[in-house]
C-alpha atoms as a PDB file:
ATOM      1  CA  MET A   1     -21.723  41.982 -71.613  1.00  0.00           C
ATOM      2  CA  PRO A   2     -22.012  43.395 -67.666  1.00  0.00           C
ATOM      3  CA  ARG A   3     -21.502  47.048 -67.505  1.00  0.00           C
ATOM      4  CA  ASP A   4     -18.053  47.720 -65.838  1.00  0.00           C
ATOM      5  CA  TYR A   5     -18.668  51.565 -64.385  1.00  0.00           C
ATOM      6  CA  SER A   6     -15.304  50.779 -62.492  1.00  0.00           C
ATOM      7  CA  ALA A   7     -12.216  52.611 -62.897  1.00  0.00           C
ATOM      8  CA  LYS A   8     -10.774  49.506 -64.557  1.00  0.00           C
ATOM      9  CA  ALA A   9     -13.252  50.179 -67.529  1.00  0.00           C
ATOM     10  CA  THR A  10     -11.082  51.458 -70.732  1.00  0.00           C
ATOM     11  CA  LYS A  11     -12.235  54.641 -72.304  1.00  0.00           C
ATOM     12  CA  ASP A  12     -13.830  53.030 -75.601  1.00  0.00           C
ATOM     13  CA  GLN A  13     -15.721  50.774 -72.861  1.00  0.00           C
ATOM     14  CA  ALA A  14     -17.188  53.597 -71.052  1.00  0.00           C
ATOM     15  CA  ALA A  15     -18.541  55.460 -74.097  1.00  0.00           C
ATOM     16  CA  LEU A  16     -19.948  52.020 -75.366  1.00  0.00           C
ATOM     17  CA  ASN A  17     -21.465  51.680 -71.791  1.00  0.00           C
ATOM     18  CA  LEU A  18     -22.899  54.898 -71.666  1.00  0.00           C
ATOM     19  CA  ALA A  19     -24.340  54.404 -75.390  1.00  0.00           C
ATOM     20  CA  ARG A  20     -26.320  51.255 -74.368  1.00  0.00           C
ATOM     21  CA  ALA A  21     -27.673  53.617 -71.447  1.00  0.00           C
ATOM     22  CA  GLY A  22     -29.042  55.395 -74.392  1.00  0.00           C
ATOM     23  CA  ILE A  23     -26.681  58.368 -73.669  1.00  0.00           C
ATOM     24  CA  PRO A  24     -25.274  60.036 -76.709  1.00  0.00           C
ATOM     25  CA  VAL A  25     -21.779  60.064 -76.587  1.00  0.00           C
ATOM     26  CA  PHE A  26     -18.785  61.654 -78.379  1.00  0.00           C
ATOM     27  CA  PRO A  27     -14.918  61.610 -78.273  1.00  0.00           C
ATOM     28  CA  ALA A  28     -12.892  64.724 -76.579  1.00  0.00           C
ATOM     29  CA  THR A  29      -9.703  65.476 -75.363  1.00  0.00           C
ATOM     30  CA  LEU A  30      -7.931  67.751 -72.848  1.00  0.00           C
ATOM     31  CA  LYS A  31      -6.421  71.132 -74.410  1.00  0.00           C
ATOM     32  CA  LYS A  32      -4.703  74.009 -72.351  1.00  0.00           C
ATOM     33  CA  VAL A  33      -6.183  76.897 -73.402  1.00  0.00           C
ATOM     34  CA  GLY A  34      -5.391  80.391 -71.628  1.00  0.00           C
ATOM     35  CA  GLY A  35      -3.328  78.511 -68.899  1.00  0.00           C
ATOM     36  CA  LYS A  36      -5.992  76.408 -67.756  1.00  0.00           C
ATOM     37  CA  TRP A  37      -7.138  72.675 -69.255  1.00  0.00           C
ATOM     38  CA  GLN A  38     -10.510  72.541 -71.036  1.00  0.00           C
ATOM     39  CA  LYS A  39     -12.299  69.193 -72.462  1.00  0.00           C
ATOM     40  CA  VAL A  40     -12.247  69.715 -76.275  1.00  0.00           C
ATOM     41  CA  PRO A  41     -14.526  67.625 -78.466  1.00  0.00           C
ATOM     42  CA  LEU A  42     -12.711  65.638 -81.554  1.00  0.00           C
ATOM     43  CA  ILE A  43     -15.597  66.214 -83.738  1.00  0.00           C
ATOM     44  CA  LYS A  44     -17.477  68.849 -85.271  1.00  0.00           C
ATOM     45  CA  GLY A  45     -21.182  69.414 -84.535  1.00  0.00           C
ATOM     46  CA  TRP A  46     -20.697  67.127 -81.106  1.00  0.00           C
ATOM     47  CA  ALA A  47     -23.873  69.547 -79.796  1.00  0.00           C
ATOM     48  CA  ASP A  48     -25.838  69.144 -83.065  1.00  0.00           C
ATOM     49  CA  GLY A  49     -26.687  65.575 -83.060  1.00  0.00           C
ATOM     50  CA  ALA A  50     -23.170  64.423 -83.895  1.00  0.00           C
ATOM     51  CA  ALA A  51     -22.731  62.531 -80.640  1.00  0.00           C
ATOM     52  CA  THR A  52     -24.648  59.264 -80.762  1.00  0.00           C
ATOM     53  CA  THR A  53     -25.536  55.799 -79.270  1.00  0.00           C
ATOM     54  CA  ASP A  54     -24.034  53.867 -82.418  1.00  0.00           C
ATOM     55  CA  GLU A  55     -21.733  51.488 -81.233  1.00  0.00           C
ATOM     56  CA  ALA A  56     -20.482  50.956 -84.740  1.00  0.00           C
ATOM     57  CA  GLN A  57     -19.549  55.072 -85.102  1.00  0.00           C
ATOM     58  CA  ILE A  58     -18.470  54.633 -81.524  1.00  0.00           C
ATOM     59  CA  CYS A  59     -15.808  51.968 -82.080  1.00  0.00           C
ATOM     60  CA  GLU A  60     -14.644  54.220 -85.318  1.00  0.00           C
ATOM     61  CA  TRP A  61     -14.120  57.019 -83.161  1.00  0.00           C
ATOM     62  CA  TRP A  62     -11.923  55.223 -80.298  1.00  0.00           C
ATOM     63  CA  ILE A  63      -9.754  53.295 -82.954  1.00  0.00           C
ATOM     64  CA  LYS A  64      -9.020  56.749 -84.595  1.00  0.00           C
ATOM     65  CA  TRP A  65      -8.593  58.186 -81.117  1.00  0.00           C
ATOM     66  CA  PRO A  66      -7.934  55.500 -78.869  1.00  0.00           C
ATOM     67  CA  LYS A  67      -6.997  57.893 -75.882  1.00  0.00           C
ATOM     68  CA  ALA A  68      -9.965  59.778 -76.248  1.00  0.00           C
ATOM     69  CA  MET A  69     -12.007  60.467 -73.103  1.00  0.00           C
ATOM     70  CA  PRO A  70     -15.923  59.978 -73.663  1.00  0.00           C
ATOM     71  CA  ALA A  71     -17.972  62.881 -73.067  1.00  0.00           C
ATOM     72  CA  PHE A  72     -21.346  63.389 -73.808  1.00  0.00           C
ATOM     73  CA  PRO A  73     -23.725  66.702 -74.639  1.00  0.00           C
ATOM     74  CA  THR A  74     -25.988  67.702 -71.631  1.00  0.00           C
ATOM     75  CA  GLY A  75     -29.838  69.134 -71.562  1.00  0.00           C
ATOM     76  CA  GLU A  76     -31.886  67.633 -73.955  1.00  0.00           C
ATOM     77  CA  PRO A  77     -29.690  65.477 -76.166  1.00  0.00           C
ATOM     78  CA  SER A  78     -28.937  63.257 -72.788  1.00  0.00           C
ATOM     79  CA  GLY A  79     -31.553  64.302 -70.332  1.00  0.00           C
ATOM     80  CA  ILE A  80     -28.753  65.045 -67.963  1.00  0.00           C
ATOM     81  CA  ALA A  81     -28.999  68.590 -66.413  1.00  0.00           C
ATOM     82  CA  VAL A  82     -25.547  69.735 -64.708  1.00  0.00           C
ATOM     83  CA  LEU A  83     -25.220  72.579 -61.982  1.00  0.00           C
ATOM     84  CA  ASP A  84     -21.526  74.046 -61.911  1.00  0.00           C
ATOM     85  CA  LEU A  85     -20.876  75.644 -58.903  1.00  0.00           C
END
């Protein structure tokens, strides 16, 4: 199946595309904390190895939380560095 990186890709499909690219993912949601919106993981241990590339697990998460946003840990687990200015 070709990867769809367009805005038309569903959130679960985006999570699977990231996983197929070797990037471990986890489900997250937005929550207002102290007047600001923050991305909040829906699973525990996301930074300690619970983020995964396992497609069956990803499908289970998006069945449980269909509106979840795909998120991924930065740094060593994903190989992605982020500079927030």
